[in-house]
Each structure stands twice: as structure tokens, then as C-alpha cells.
Amino acid sequence: MNELLIYLLKVSGGLAIVAVPCYLVLRNDPNLGIKRYYLLLGVLAAWIIPLISFHRPDLVRDLVPAFFIDPTADISLPSADHAPDSPSSREGPGWLQVTMILYLTGLALILFRNLAVLLRWNRAWKKADRIGRVAYTSANQIFTLFNRIFIPGSFRDQSDLETLLLHEKAHVRQLHFIDLTIMELTLILTWFNPFSWLISRMMKENHEHLADRTVLLSGISPALYRAQLLNQTLGVPVFRLGTPFNHSITFKRFNMMKKPSKSTAGFVKFLILVPAVLATLALTTGTAQFQKQVKGKVLFADTGEPAPGTNIVTAGSTLGTITGPDGTFHMDVEGNPEIVLSFVGYKTVRIKASKAGRKPILLEQGVFELDPERGTDHRVSIHPYKVTSEQKEPVKEPRVTQPKPEPFINSKGEEVVFFVVEDMPMFPGGKEALANYIYSHLEYPASAKRRNLEGEVHVQFTVTTSGRLDGIKAVSSTDPVFVEPALEVFRYMPDWNPGKQRNKLVKAQVVVPVRFRPGEE
């Protein structure tokens, strides 16, 4: 509700920026067509530009520091005795609620009034004696409503009826009802803004000048036409969407008939004014929505648990944040950029900022391969391989001991297993030492030697917080004959250095490829 109020205030400010220059500079300009589009497009711009976020130059953006706050750090919360008053503790409605009630009341009154009058003239249209778009009614007003022309029945046989119809048909042919409909919707939504009413008046006044010019270009005597205007003093308009024939009968309207249809000076004024108005709208209403806060929640897809410590950045920048212990995050963004969520061991997610808060973002599990023979570790898609032979894992004595670590506990009090973490678990001595250990203890199967087979087994295991290897199994193999020798190497392997996530020791799953080549023993 607060955002809606801010948006309406921006639109109202934009309408003021459009209205004031037109009233002071363009109101008496004879370039009626250009003035019409200035008012119409100005109203639309006032509604659209506040929705656009204009980016700052890259130099300015790069100077903005990014702060990463660890949500797991201890913080001191204010005590209940000193906590600020919550909205529920305050008595009575707040100023925002009162403002919205007053606004909606005014909106409803104007809307219902227009609907009632519209229904009234629709009934009159059905009962009237109609000829094409012209309806002869019992009313005492001449006006056009959308593409319908209403004429009092008493004017049916008058000599100046042709002139009256020519004027009203000009409104229909030039589609003035489109401008009036957009303006009427603007008035309903911004009824509290005096500049909305000013634009509405200038728009209708310009429509009358356009219709007058059409009549005069048809060959009607200007003196005769002005006399007919003075004779049609039949009251005030009852419906703003309608265009009454005698609208704004003033000396200004008569003077406009005497002016030329085009003015070079007026055209130059438009060329200067339009860019200035657009730039002012962009600076005062568009940039005010430069930043907005995105809120969301990140979960592990496989467990449904929150994903604490997920890195979240705006695409193409280093600005971002991380999720808290409950998986939630808050971050400021410019416009509607793409944000990138990454958690080692899970697939990177790219999502528009506007969609981030609609529902929890799920992180799909990925697979990380630690290859001791290659320089780069990478995520791979491994097809599950079921080992048919019964595996018996002997009890081993660890050769490397680790101090008792502090495990990473989730919201249910369970120890979390990470598939890849910020600091991956590693064999003591690194990848080169791991390769030396594997291939110095690996036995090439005799049956494979006889067939001169070459193969590969992907061995998966969990490195616990103490460094022990747990759950050793083969997840893929080129041939079952290589499975048991590969598993045997890891069953007696020394303890690893455990992984860390946000400086906490965590369990982590690792996949290591073991390659068998002819001649290896």
C-alpha cells in the first residue's frame, strides 16, 4: 500500500511537470495537432516513467561499496522493554490507513458518478430517434459521447443543424474520445491533483479548437459560425467524457479561429520543451525508483531445508549478499536485473529480481569431481551404477587424526551434508599426494590384464567432520571388473582434511575418478 501511494504521488508530480509548461508556453499556440499529442503523450509518460529505473553510469556504480554480513554472527537484540512500538501495539489507524481511506472514497465517488451518467445516456441513446451516429433526444444539450452525437429534437429542422453536425463529426473522426477516456481514467485515479484537472481542461479546449478549424476549412463563414456559437448557450456539461458544442465559448476561442494553422515559432518551442519535460520526468520520477529491495528464500531442492550461506549477486557485478540461517535474503537492486544464486555443490540459478520473492528458490544438487590427474575440478553428470556384488567394508584404523570439530547443524538439529563447500575436503598433501597414493595402492585386475582392458571408476564417498571417509561406493564404471579394486584403495585411505562452509567444519560428498590402464599394478 505504501508503494502504491508513492507511485501515485510520482504520477501526480509528473502531471504537474507536463501541465505547467503547456499552460504557460503552449496554451495559445496555433499548432493544435502537436499540442494535442503533447498533452496525450505527456499524460501517458507521467504514468509510465515512474515504472522505469534509469541506471547510473558504470563509474558511479563501481564506487559503491558492497557489504557482506554474516547472518550467523552473534548480534545483540533489543530487549522487550526497549523494543520499538510495533504497528499492532499502536491504537487507532495510522496516517497511511486514513490517507488511503480518503483517497479511495474520492475515487469511488467520481467513478460511480461517471458510471451513473454513462448508463443514463446509454438509455437515452436506445430511446432516441437515431440516424446513423446521430441521436435526436429530449435533452437540451448538443454534445458528442464517444462516437455518438446527441442533438436536441428541437434542432432537427433548424437551418444551422448542418454546421452543428459538422463540428460534432469532427470530434468523432479525429477520435477525441480516446484522449478523453485516458484523461478521465487519470482524473479518477489522481482526483486529488489540481494539475490533472488543468490538463483535462486544456485537452478539451484544444479539441474544440481542432473541431472549429475543421468547420472553418469546410467553407463556413467565420462570422456566421461565431454567431452560432454564441446562440448555443444551453447550459453546462453534465458528463466530462462528452464534448459539448458550446464548450469554452470565450473570446480566446474566437481569437484562435483567426490565427494561422501553423507557426514556426511554436514548432521550435515544442522541439525545446518536449526533451526538457522528458528529462525532468526521468530525473524527478524515474530515478526515485532507482533502487528497490528484493526479498526471497532459498531452499535445497533435495531436502526442502533452508540453504544458509548461499551467495547472491547481481549479474555482471560483485554487489550482493548471502542467505541467513533460515535461507532468507534481502538485497537492493536497480530496476529488474538478473540475480545469480550459487552454492557450491549445487547448480547455479539465474532468475529475474522481480520473480525472486514470488516463491522459494530451489537449488538442484550438482556433482563435483575431484580429479587428481587433472588441473581443474569440475561438475559432471554421473549416471548411477549399481554394484551387484556384495561389498564388505573392513574396519580400519585412521592414520591421520583430527581435533573434534564443530559440526554445521540445520534448523532441525541435524548435521548437514554438503556436496561441495567453500573449502573442499582434501587429501593430506593435496591432489598430487592423492594421485600418488591411489596409483601406488591400486591393483590392476588379472582378468582385465588378460583382455588388455582400459577403464575408469567414479568412487563417491562422504568426508565427515573428523576427516573419515564414509559411505564409499561406485557411482559409475566402464566395467564391473574394476569396481572392487577401486573401492579397496579408499577403504584404507588416511583421513582427509574436512571441508568448511562459512568457517564451520562440514560433511561433504566427493567423487574421485580412478583410471585403470594396461601395465599398471
Protein backbone atom coordinates (compact mmCIF):
# COMPACT_ATOMS: atom_id res chain seq x y z
CA MET A 1 0.00 0.00 0.00
CA ASN A 2 2.89 2.34 0.76
CA GLU A 3 4.41 1.66 -2.69
CA LEU A 4 1.07 2.44 -4.38
CA LEU A 5 0.83 5.77 -2.59
CA ILE A 6 4.39 6.68 -3.59
CA TYR A 7 3.66 5.74 -7.20
CA LEU A 8 0.51 7.92 -7.31
CA LEU A 9 2.45 10.85 -5.89
CA LYS A 10 5.11 10.41 -8.58
CA VAL A 11 2.44 10.33 -11.29
CA SER A 12 0.88 13.48 -9.85
CA GLY A 13 4.25 15.20 -9.87
CA GLY A 14 4.76 14.10 -13.47
CA LEU A 15 1.38 15.54 -14.48
CA ALA A 16 2.40 18.86 -12.94
CA ILE A 17 5.62 18.82 -14.97
CA VAL A 18 3.56 18.26 -18.14
CA ALA A 19 0.82 20.78 -17.34
CA VAL A 20 2.73 23.87 -16.21
CA PRO A 21 4.87 24.39 -19.37
CA CYS A 22 1.86 23.77 -21.58
CA TYR A 23 -0.25 26.32 -19.72
CA LEU A 24 2.48 28.97 -19.65
CA VAL A 25 4.04 28.47 -23.09
CA LEU A 26 1.80 26.46 -25.42
CA ARG A 27 -1.79 27.24 -24.49
CA ASN A 28 -2.22 29.93 -27.18
CA ASP A 29 -0.06 28.22 -29.78
CA PRO A 30 -1.90 27.56 -33.09
CA ASN A 31 -0.12 24.21 -33.70
CA LEU A 32 -3.17 22.35 -32.42
CA GLY A 33 -2.22 18.87 -33.64
CA ILE A 34 1.20 18.94 -31.99
CA LYS A 35 -0.33 20.35 -28.81
CA ARG A 36 -2.86 17.52 -28.73
CA TYR A 37 -0.18 14.85 -28.86
CA TYR A 38 1.96 16.70 -26.34
CA LEU A 39 -0.88 16.56 -23.79
CA LEU A 40 -1.84 12.96 -24.56
CA LEU A 41 1.68 11.55 -24.61
CA GLY A 42 2.60 13.68 -21.60
CA VAL A 43 -0.16 12.04 -19.56
CA LEU A 44 0.99 8.58 -20.64
CA ALA A 45 4.61 9.45 -19.84
CA ALA A 46 3.60 10.57 -16.36
CA TRP A 47 2.19 7.08 -15.75
CA ILE A 48 4.99 5.11 -17.41
CA ILE A 49 8.24 6.85 -16.45
CA PRO A 50 7.87 6.22 -12.68
CA LEU A 51 7.93 2.50 -13.51
CA ILE A 52 11.30 2.80 -15.29
CA SER A 53 14.60 2.56 -13.44
CA PHE A 54 17.42 4.53 -15.01
CA HIS A 55 20.88 3.07 -14.39
CA ARG A 56 23.73 5.14 -13.16
CA PRO A 57 26.99 5.28 -15.15
CA ASP A 58 29.31 2.33 -14.54
CA LEU A 59 31.91 4.57 -12.91
CA VAL A 60 29.43 5.66 -10.25
CA ARG A 61 28.16 2.12 -9.73
CA ASP A 62 31.67 0.73 -9.22
CA LEU A 63 32.36 3.23 -6.47
CA VAL A 64 29.52 1.89 -4.34
CA PRO A 65 30.91 -0.48 -1.69
CA ALA A 66 29.40 -3.94 -1.21
CA PHE A 67 28.96 -5.18 2.35
CA PHE A 68 28.64 -8.88 3.10
CA ILE A 69 27.19 -9.51 6.55
CA ASP A 70 27.43 -12.94 8.16
CA PRO A 71 23.90 -13.68 9.43
CA THR A 72 25.24 -16.46 11.67
CA ALA A 73 27.27 -14.00 13.73
CA ASP A 74 26.07 -13.20 17.22
CA ILE A 75 24.07 -9.98 17.42
CA SER A 76 22.57 -8.15 20.33
CA LEU A 77 18.84 -7.72 20.02
CA PRO A 78 16.97 -5.04 21.97
CA SER A 79 15.09 -6.30 24.98
CA ALA A 80 11.34 -6.41 25.03
CA ASP A 81 11.26 -3.47 27.44
CA HIS A 82 13.09 -1.27 24.94
CA ALA A 83 11.69 -2.65 21.70
CA PRO A 84 10.10 -0.06 19.43
CA ASP A 85 6.37 0.01 19.24
CA SER A 86 5.00 -2.38 16.64
CA PRO A 87 2.08 -1.36 14.40
CA SER A 88 -0.17 -3.72 16.34
CA SER A 89 0.65 -2.03 19.63
CA ARG A 90 -0.45 1.40 18.45
CA GLU A 91 -4.04 2.37 18.97
CA GLY A 92 -6.25 3.52 16.14
CA PRO A 93 -5.49 3.67 12.40
CA GLY A 94 -2.23 5.20 11.22
CA TRP A 95 -1.86 8.10 8.84
CA LEU A 96 -1.33 5.76 5.91
CA GLN A 97 -4.63 3.98 6.51
CA VAL A 98 -6.51 7.29 6.88
CA THR A 99 -4.94 8.64 3.68
CA MET A 100 -5.91 5.53 1.71
CA ILE A 101 -9.47 5.65 3.04
CA LEU A 102 -9.86 9.29 1.93
CA TYR A 103 -8.29 8.54 -1.44
CA LEU A 104 -10.50 5.52 -2.13
CA THR A 105 -13.58 7.45 -1.06
CA GLY A 106 -12.92 10.22 -3.57
CA LEU A 107 -12.09 7.69 -6.27
CA ALA A 108 -15.32 5.78 -5.68
CA LEU A 109 -17.48 8.93 -5.77
CA ILE A 110 -16.08 10.07 -9.13
CA LEU A 111 -16.22 6.58 -10.61
CA PHE A 112 -19.80 5.91 -9.58
CA ARG A 113 -20.91 9.35 -10.78
CA ASN A 114 -19.44 8.74 -14.23
CA LEU A 115 -20.93 5.25 -14.44
CA ALA A 116 -24.36 6.55 -13.48
CA VAL A 117 -24.28 9.29 -16.13
CA LEU A 118 -22.94 6.86 -18.72
CA LEU A 119 -25.83 4.48 -18.08
CA ARG A 120 -28.26 7.39 -18.25
CA TRP A 121 -27.08 8.48 -21.70
CA ASN A 122 -26.94 4.89 -22.91
CA ARG A 123 -30.64 4.56 -22.08
CA ALA A 124 -31.29 7.86 -23.85
CA TRP A 125 -29.48 6.53 -26.92
CA LYS A 126 -31.70 3.45 -27.06
CA LYS A 127 -34.90 5.50 -26.80
CA ALA A 128 -33.87 8.29 -29.19
CA ASP A 129 -34.74 8.69 -32.83
CA ARG A 130 -31.39 7.76 -34.42
CA ILE A 131 -29.94 8.38 -37.85
CA GLY A 132 -26.54 6.72 -38.08
CA ARG A 133 -24.40 8.01 -35.22
CA VAL A 134 -26.77 10.93 -34.56
CA ALA A 135 -29.49 10.67 -31.92
CA TYR A 136 -32.26 13.25 -31.52
CA THR A 137 -33.18 13.36 -27.83
CA SER A 138 -35.37 15.33 -25.48
CA ALA A 139 -32.29 16.79 -23.79
CA ASN A 140 -31.31 20.42 -24.27
CA GLN A 141 -27.61 19.80 -24.99
CA ILE A 142 -25.56 19.25 -28.11
CA PHE A 143 -22.56 17.04 -27.42
CA THR A 144 -20.58 14.01 -28.53
CA LEU A 145 -20.10 10.97 -26.33
CA PHE A 146 -17.51 8.54 -27.70
CA ASN A 147 -18.69 8.10 -31.33
CA ARG A 148 -22.30 9.11 -30.65
CA ILE A 149 -23.69 12.57 -31.35
CA PHE A 150 -26.63 13.81 -29.26
CA ILE A 151 -28.81 16.62 -30.71
CA PRO A 152 -31.94 18.12 -29.07
CA GLY A 153 -35.05 17.24 -31.06
CA SER A 154 -35.91 20.94 -31.34
CA PHE A 155 -32.83 21.48 -33.55
CA ARG A 156 -33.85 18.92 -36.13
CA ASP A 157 -35.33 21.41 -38.60
CA GLN A 158 -33.09 24.41 -37.89
CA SER A 159 -31.01 25.88 -40.68
CA ASP A 160 -27.74 25.75 -38.74
CA LEU A 161 -28.05 21.99 -37.98
CA GLU A 162 -25.54 21.12 -40.71
CA THR A 163 -22.90 23.31 -39.07
CA LEU A 164 -23.56 21.77 -35.67
CA LEU A 165 -23.23 18.26 -37.07
CA LEU A 166 -20.03 19.18 -38.91
CA HIS A 167 -18.49 20.31 -35.65
CA GLU A 168 -19.53 17.18 -33.73
CA LYS A 169 -18.50 14.82 -36.51
CA ALA A 170 -15.04 16.38 -36.41
CA HIS A 171 -14.75 15.17 -32.81
CA VAL A 172 -15.71 11.65 -33.91
CA ARG A 173 -13.41 11.50 -36.95
CA GLN A 174 -10.43 12.80 -35.00
CA LEU A 175 -11.01 10.20 -32.25
CA HIS A 176 -11.07 12.75 -29.45
CA PHE A 177 -12.83 10.24 -27.23
CA ILE A 178 -9.52 8.31 -26.89
CA ASP A 179 -7.84 11.33 -25.31
CA LEU A 180 -10.85 11.99 -23.09
CA THR A 181 -11.08 8.38 -21.92
CA ILE A 182 -7.39 8.27 -20.93
CA MET A 183 -7.76 11.64 -19.22
CA GLU A 184 -10.90 10.57 -17.38
CA LEU A 185 -9.16 7.48 -16.01
CA THR A 186 -6.31 9.74 -14.91
CA LEU A 187 -8.78 12.05 -13.17
CA ILE A 188 -10.38 9.11 -11.36
CA LEU A 189 -7.02 7.85 -10.08
CA THR A 190 -5.48 11.27 -9.36
CA TRP A 191 -8.59 13.26 -8.44
CA PHE A 192 -6.70 14.99 -5.63
CA ASN A 193 -4.20 16.56 -8.07
CA PRO A 194 -5.21 20.02 -9.39
CA PHE A 195 -2.86 19.64 -12.35
CA SER A 196 -4.88 16.65 -13.57
CA TRP A 197 -7.93 18.88 -13.82
CA LEU A 198 -5.88 21.57 -15.55
CA ILE A 199 -4.67 19.12 -18.22
CA SER A 200 -8.24 17.89 -18.71
CA ARG A 201 -9.45 21.43 -19.31
CA MET A 202 -6.64 22.26 -21.76
CA MET A 203 -7.24 18.98 -23.60
CA LYS A 204 -10.95 19.70 -24.12
CA GLU A 205 -10.24 23.27 -25.08
CA ASN A 206 -7.79 22.07 -27.72
CA HIS A 207 -10.35 19.59 -29.05
CA GLU A 208 -12.80 22.43 -29.57
CA HIS A 209 -10.19 24.44 -31.44
CA LEU A 210 -9.50 21.43 -33.68
CA ALA A 211 -13.21 20.93 -34.40
CA ASP A 212 -13.66 24.67 -35.06
CA ARG A 213 -10.79 24.59 -37.54
CA THR A 214 -12.40 21.67 -39.37
CA VAL A 215 -15.66 23.61 -39.70
CA LEU A 216 -13.93 26.74 -40.99
CA LEU A 217 -11.86 24.74 -43.50
CA SER A 218 -15.14 23.40 -44.96
CA GLY A 219 -16.03 26.91 -46.18
CA ILE A 220 -18.35 28.12 -43.39
CA SER A 221 -18.17 31.88 -42.82
CA PRO A 222 -16.17 32.62 -39.64
CA ALA A 223 -18.56 35.43 -38.66
CA LEU A 224 -21.62 33.22 -39.14
CA TYR A 225 -20.02 30.39 -37.20
CA ARG A 226 -19.10 32.62 -34.27
CA ALA A 227 -22.69 33.87 -34.15
CA GLN A 228 -23.97 30.29 -33.99
CA LEU A 229 -21.62 29.56 -31.11
CA LEU A 230 -22.97 32.49 -29.14
CA ASN A 231 -26.52 31.31 -29.75
CA GLN A 232 -25.84 27.82 -28.33
CA THR A 233 -25.71 28.73 -24.63
CA LEU A 234 -27.66 25.73 -23.45
CA GLY A 235 -26.20 25.04 -20.05
CA VAL A 236 -23.15 23.32 -18.60
CA PRO A 237 -21.86 19.86 -19.49
CA VAL A 238 -23.10 17.03 -17.32
CA PHE A 239 -20.54 14.42 -18.32
CA ARG A 240 -16.84 15.07 -18.76
CA LEU A 241 -16.33 12.33 -21.38
CA GLY A 242 -18.80 14.17 -23.59
CA THR A 243 -17.73 17.07 -25.81
CA PRO A 244 -20.46 19.78 -25.70
CA PHE A 245 -20.81 22.04 -28.68
CA ASN A 246 -20.63 25.24 -26.63
CA HIS A 247 -17.65 24.15 -24.51
CA SER A 248 -15.41 27.09 -23.60
CA ILE A 249 -17.25 29.80 -25.52
CA THR A 250 -14.78 32.57 -24.86
CA PHE A 251 -13.05 35.34 -26.79
CA LYS A 252 -9.95 33.11 -26.71
CA ARG A 253 -11.76 30.52 -28.81
CA PHE A 254 -12.77 33.19 -31.29
CA ASN A 255 -9.21 34.54 -31.41
CA MET A 256 -7.86 31.04 -32.10
CA MET A 257 -10.06 30.92 -35.24
CA LYS A 258 -8.24 33.98 -36.59
CA LYS A 259 -4.74 32.50 -36.16
CA PRO A 260 -2.92 30.56 -38.88
CA SER A 261 -2.98 26.78 -38.60
CA LYS A 262 0.81 26.55 -38.19
CA SER A 263 3.50 28.57 -36.51
CA THR A 264 7.26 28.10 -36.95
CA ALA A 265 7.96 29.74 -33.61
CA GLY A 266 5.50 27.40 -31.94
CA PHE A 267 7.16 24.39 -33.56
CA VAL A 268 10.56 25.49 -32.21
CA LYS A 269 9.05 25.80 -28.74
CA PHE A 270 7.85 22.20 -28.97
CA LEU A 271 11.29 20.98 -30.03
CA ILE A 272 12.84 22.62 -26.98
CA LEU A 273 10.08 21.86 -24.49
CA VAL A 274 9.49 18.15 -25.16
CA PRO A 275 13.07 16.94 -24.40
CA ALA A 276 13.19 19.22 -21.36
CA VAL A 277 9.94 17.81 -19.99
CA LEU A 278 11.00 14.20 -20.62
CA ALA A 279 14.37 14.76 -18.95
CA THR A 280 12.69 16.38 -15.96
CA LEU A 281 10.23 13.49 -15.68
CA ALA A 282 13.08 10.97 -15.79
CA LEU A 283 15.13 12.79 -13.16
CA THR A 284 12.31 13.53 -10.74
CA THR A 285 10.10 10.43 -11.03
CA GLY A 286 12.08 7.69 -12.80
CA THR A 287 15.26 7.85 -10.76
CA ALA A 288 13.36 7.95 -7.47
CA GLN A 289 12.65 4.26 -8.05
CA PHE A 290 16.33 3.68 -8.77
CA GLN A 291 16.70 1.00 -6.12
CA LYS A 292 14.25 -1.43 -4.63
CA GLN A 293 14.62 -4.23 -2.15
CA VAL A 294 14.27 -7.84 -3.22
CA LYS A 295 13.30 -10.40 -0.61
CA GLY A 296 13.36 -14.15 -1.09
CA LYS A 297 14.08 -17.56 0.34
CA VAL A 298 16.45 -20.28 -0.89
CA LEU A 299 15.92 -23.99 -0.22
CA PHE A 300 17.76 -27.18 -1.10
CA ALA A 301 15.56 -28.99 -3.63
CA ASP A 302 16.56 -32.47 -2.44
CA THR A 303 15.74 -31.92 1.25
CA GLY A 304 13.49 -28.86 1.36
CA GLU A 305 15.80 -27.42 4.02
CA PRO A 306 16.91 -23.75 4.02
CA ALA A 307 20.18 -23.07 2.20
CA PRO A 308 22.18 -20.85 4.58
CA GLY A 309 25.23 -19.08 3.20
CA THR A 310 24.07 -19.07 -0.45
CA ASN A 311 25.92 -16.40 -2.41
CA ILE A 312 23.58 -14.00 -4.23
CA VAL A 313 24.89 -11.31 -6.59
CA THR A 314 23.51 -9.08 -9.31
CA ALA A 315 24.54 -10.47 -12.70
CA GLY A 316 27.58 -8.70 -14.09
CA SER A 317 28.60 -7.16 -10.76
CA THR A 318 30.08 -8.06 -7.40
CA LEU A 319 27.25 -6.49 -5.41
CA GLY A 320 25.20 -8.96 -3.43
CA THR A 321 24.51 -10.70 -0.16
CA ILE A 322 24.17 -14.16 1.39
CA THR A 323 21.23 -16.04 2.83
CA GLY A 324 20.71 -16.25 6.58
CA PRO A 325 20.27 -19.38 8.71
CA ASP A 326 16.63 -19.67 7.61
CA GLY A 327 17.52 -19.34 3.91
CA THR A 328 16.10 -15.80 3.51
CA PHE A 329 17.87 -12.83 1.96
CA HIS A 330 17.33 -9.12 1.35
CA MET A 331 19.20 -7.08 -1.25
CA ASP A 332 18.85 -3.78 -3.09
CA VAL A 333 18.77 -3.89 -6.90
CA GLU A 334 18.46 -1.41 -9.73
CA GLY A 335 15.39 -1.98 -11.89
CA ASN A 336 14.75 -5.65 -12.63
CA PRO A 337 18.18 -7.23 -13.18
CA GLU A 338 19.05 -10.90 -13.25
CA ILE A 339 20.39 -12.16 -9.94
CA VAL A 340 22.69 -15.16 -9.66
CA LEU A 341 22.48 -17.64 -6.78
CA SER A 342 25.33 -20.05 -6.22
CA PHE A 343 26.04 -22.65 -3.60
CA VAL A 344 28.99 -24.89 -4.19
CA GLY A 345 27.81 -28.39 -4.95
CA TYR A 346 24.53 -27.13 -6.44
CA LYS A 347 23.62 -25.81 -9.85
CA THR A 348 23.84 -22.06 -10.29
CA VAL A 349 20.43 -20.40 -10.53
CA ARG A 350 19.78 -17.26 -12.58
CA ILE A 351 16.46 -15.52 -12.02
CA LYS A 352 14.91 -12.09 -12.57
CA ALA A 353 14.76 -9.99 -9.41
CA SER A 354 11.01 -9.46 -9.82
CA LYS A 355 10.43 -13.23 -9.61
CA ALA A 356 12.78 -13.92 -6.70
CA GLY A 357 10.20 -13.24 -3.99
CA ARG A 358 7.19 -14.98 -5.51
CA LYS A 359 8.11 -18.46 -4.22
CA PRO A 360 11.13 -20.16 -2.64
CA ILE A 361 14.10 -20.62 -4.97
CA LEU A 362 15.19 -24.25 -5.16
CA LEU A 363 18.82 -25.29 -5.56
CA GLU A 364 19.23 -28.51 -7.53
CA GLN A 365 22.07 -30.78 -6.46
CA GLY A 366 25.15 -30.90 -8.64
CA VAL A 367 28.08 -33.34 -8.73
CA PHE A 368 31.67 -32.23 -8.17
CA GLU A 369 34.55 -34.31 -9.47
CA LEU A 370 37.92 -34.14 -7.72
CA ASP A 371 40.32 -35.42 -10.34
CA PRO A 372 43.87 -35.91 -9.00
CA GLU A 373 45.24 -36.24 -12.56
CA ARG A 374 43.79 -33.02 -13.93
CA GLY A 375 44.41 -29.42 -13.08
CA THR A 376 40.77 -28.35 -12.85
CA ASP A 377 37.97 -29.81 -10.77
CA HIS A 378 34.58 -29.63 -12.42
CA ARG A 379 30.95 -30.60 -12.11
CA VAL A 380 29.97 -33.68 -14.10
CA SER A 381 26.80 -35.63 -14.73
CA ILE A 382 27.35 -39.16 -13.44
CA HIS A 383 24.97 -41.97 -14.32
CA PRO A 384 24.26 -44.16 -11.29
CA TYR A 385 25.94 -47.56 -11.37
CA LYS A 386 24.63 -50.34 -9.16
CA VAL A 387 27.29 -52.70 -7.82
CA THR A 388 25.83 -56.18 -7.92
CA SER A 389 28.49 -57.96 -5.86
CA GLU A 390 28.17 -57.72 -2.10
CA GLN A 391 30.63 -55.24 -0.67
CA LYS A 392 32.12 -55.72 2.76
CA GLU A 393 33.87 -52.72 4.18
CA PRO A 394 36.55 -53.70 6.70
CA VAL A 395 37.16 -51.70 9.83
CA LYS A 396 40.25 -49.53 9.54
CA GLU A 397 42.37 -47.57 11.88
CA PRO A 398 42.76 -43.98 10.77
CA ARG A 399 46.34 -42.93 10.11
CA VAL A 400 45.62 -39.22 10.47
CA THR A 401 43.70 -37.84 13.42
CA GLN A 402 41.82 -34.56 13.55
CA PRO A 403 40.69 -32.46 16.53
CA LYS A 404 36.99 -32.74 17.31
CA PRO A 405 35.28 -30.18 15.07
CA GLU A 406 32.16 -28.11 15.46
CA PRO A 407 29.59 -29.56 13.01
CA PHE A 408 27.21 -27.48 10.89
CA ILE A 409 23.71 -28.05 12.30
CA ASN A 410 20.48 -27.27 10.41
CA SER A 411 17.18 -25.96 11.79
CA LYS A 412 16.11 -29.50 12.80
CA GLY A 413 19.25 -30.13 14.81
CA GLU A 414 20.66 -32.47 12.16
CA GLU A 415 24.19 -32.39 10.80
CA VAL A 416 24.15 -31.01 7.25
CA VAL A 417 25.97 -32.84 4.44
CA PHE A 418 27.39 -30.53 1.76
CA PHE A 419 28.26 -31.83 -1.70
CA VAL A 420 30.79 -29.08 -2.44
CA VAL A 421 31.74 -26.38 0.02
CA GLU A 422 33.78 -23.20 0.07
CA ASP A 423 36.85 -25.10 1.29
CA MET A 424 36.62 -28.57 -0.20
CA PRO A 425 37.92 -31.53 1.77
CA MET A 426 41.34 -32.55 0.55
CA PHE A 427 43.73 -35.45 0.93
CA PRO A 428 46.73 -34.51 3.12
CA GLY A 429 49.36 -33.09 0.78
CA GLY A 430 46.90 -32.11 -1.97
CA LYS A 431 45.93 -33.62 -5.30
CA GLU A 432 49.43 -34.74 -6.21
CA ALA A 433 49.72 -36.71 -2.96
CA LEU A 434 46.24 -38.16 -3.60
CA ALA A 435 47.27 -39.35 -7.08
CA ASN A 436 50.45 -40.89 -5.72
CA TYR A 437 48.53 -42.73 -3.00
CA ILE A 438 45.82 -44.05 -5.36
CA TYR A 439 48.10 -45.39 -8.05
CA SER A 440 50.67 -46.80 -5.63
CA HIS A 441 47.94 -48.86 -3.94
CA LEU A 442 45.79 -49.67 -6.97
CA GLU A 443 45.83 -53.29 -8.22
CA TYR A 444 45.07 -53.90 -11.89
CA PRO A 445 42.67 -56.91 -12.10
CA ALA A 446 44.19 -60.04 -13.65
CA SER A 447 41.08 -60.67 -15.77
CA ALA A 448 41.40 -57.16 -17.23
CA LYS A 449 45.10 -57.72 -17.94
CA ARG A 450 44.36 -60.80 -20.00
CA ARG A 451 41.92 -58.79 -22.12
CA ASN A 452 44.15 -55.68 -22.16
CA LEU A 453 41.21 -53.60 -20.87
CA GLU A 454 41.34 -49.93 -20.01
CA GLY A 455 38.65 -48.45 -17.75
CA GLU A 456 37.52 -45.90 -15.20
CA VAL A 457 35.51 -45.98 -11.97
CA HIS A 458 33.92 -42.98 -10.24
CA VAL A 459 34.15 -43.51 -6.50
CA GLN A 460 31.87 -41.44 -4.29
CA PHE A 461 32.23 -41.02 -0.53
CA THR A 462 31.46 -38.59 2.27
CA VAL A 463 34.27 -36.89 4.16
CA THR A 464 32.98 -36.47 7.71
CA THR A 465 33.80 -33.59 10.02
CA SER A 466 36.55 -35.74 11.56
CA GLY A 467 38.07 -36.43 8.12
CA ARG A 468 36.98 -40.10 7.97
CA LEU A 469 35.74 -41.47 4.64
CA ASP A 470 32.19 -42.80 4.93
CA GLY A 471 29.71 -44.36 2.50
CA ILE A 472 32.31 -45.40 -0.05
CA LYS A 473 30.63 -46.65 -3.25
CA ALA A 474 30.98 -46.75 -7.02
CA VAL A 475 28.57 -44.47 -8.85
CA SER A 476 29.77 -45.35 -12.37
CA SER A 477 32.15 -47.78 -14.02
CA THR A 478 33.12 -48.74 -17.55
CA ASP A 479 33.31 -52.39 -16.48
CA PRO A 480 32.29 -54.18 -13.24
CA VAL A 481 35.71 -55.83 -13.06
CA PHE A 482 37.29 -52.52 -11.98
CA VAL A 483 34.84 -51.71 -9.15
CA GLU A 484 36.27 -53.74 -6.27
CA PRO A 485 39.95 -52.75 -6.79
CA ALA A 486 38.97 -49.08 -6.91
CA LEU A 487 36.90 -49.29 -3.71
CA GLU A 488 39.68 -51.17 -1.91
CA VAL A 489 42.04 -48.18 -2.30
CA PHE A 490 39.67 -45.84 -0.48
CA ARG A 491 38.73 -48.23 2.33
CA TYR A 492 42.22 -47.98 3.83
CA MET A 493 42.97 -44.40 2.79
CA PRO A 494 44.20 -41.97 5.50
CA ASP A 495 41.80 -39.40 6.90
CA TRP A 496 41.28 -36.28 4.81
CA ASN A 497 41.25 -32.65 5.87
CA PRO A 498 37.49 -31.99 6.26
CA GLY A 499 35.59 -29.34 4.29
CA LYS A 500 34.43 -25.98 5.59
CA GLN A 501 31.37 -23.85 4.88
CA ARG A 502 31.39 -20.33 6.36
CA ASN A 503 34.34 -21.36 8.59
CA LYS A 504 32.46 -24.33 10.05
CA LEU A 505 33.57 -27.93 9.55
CA VAL A 506 31.00 -29.78 7.46
CA LYS A 507 30.44 -33.15 5.86
CA ALA A 508 30.96 -33.11 2.11
CA GLN A 509 30.44 -35.59 -0.69
CA VAL A 510 33.24 -36.09 -3.18
CA VAL A 511 33.57 -38.08 -6.40
CA VAL A 512 37.06 -39.21 -7.45
CA PRO A 513 37.72 -40.90 -10.82
CA VAL A 514 40.10 -43.86 -10.72
CA ARG A 515 41.59 -44.89 -14.08
CA PHE A 516 42.87 -48.33 -14.99
CA ARG A 517 45.40 -48.63 -17.77
CA PRO A 518 47.16 -51.77 -19.12
CA GLY A 519 50.51 -52.35 -17.42
CA GLU A 520 49.51 -50.75 -14.06
CA GLU A 521 49.83 -52.90 -10.96
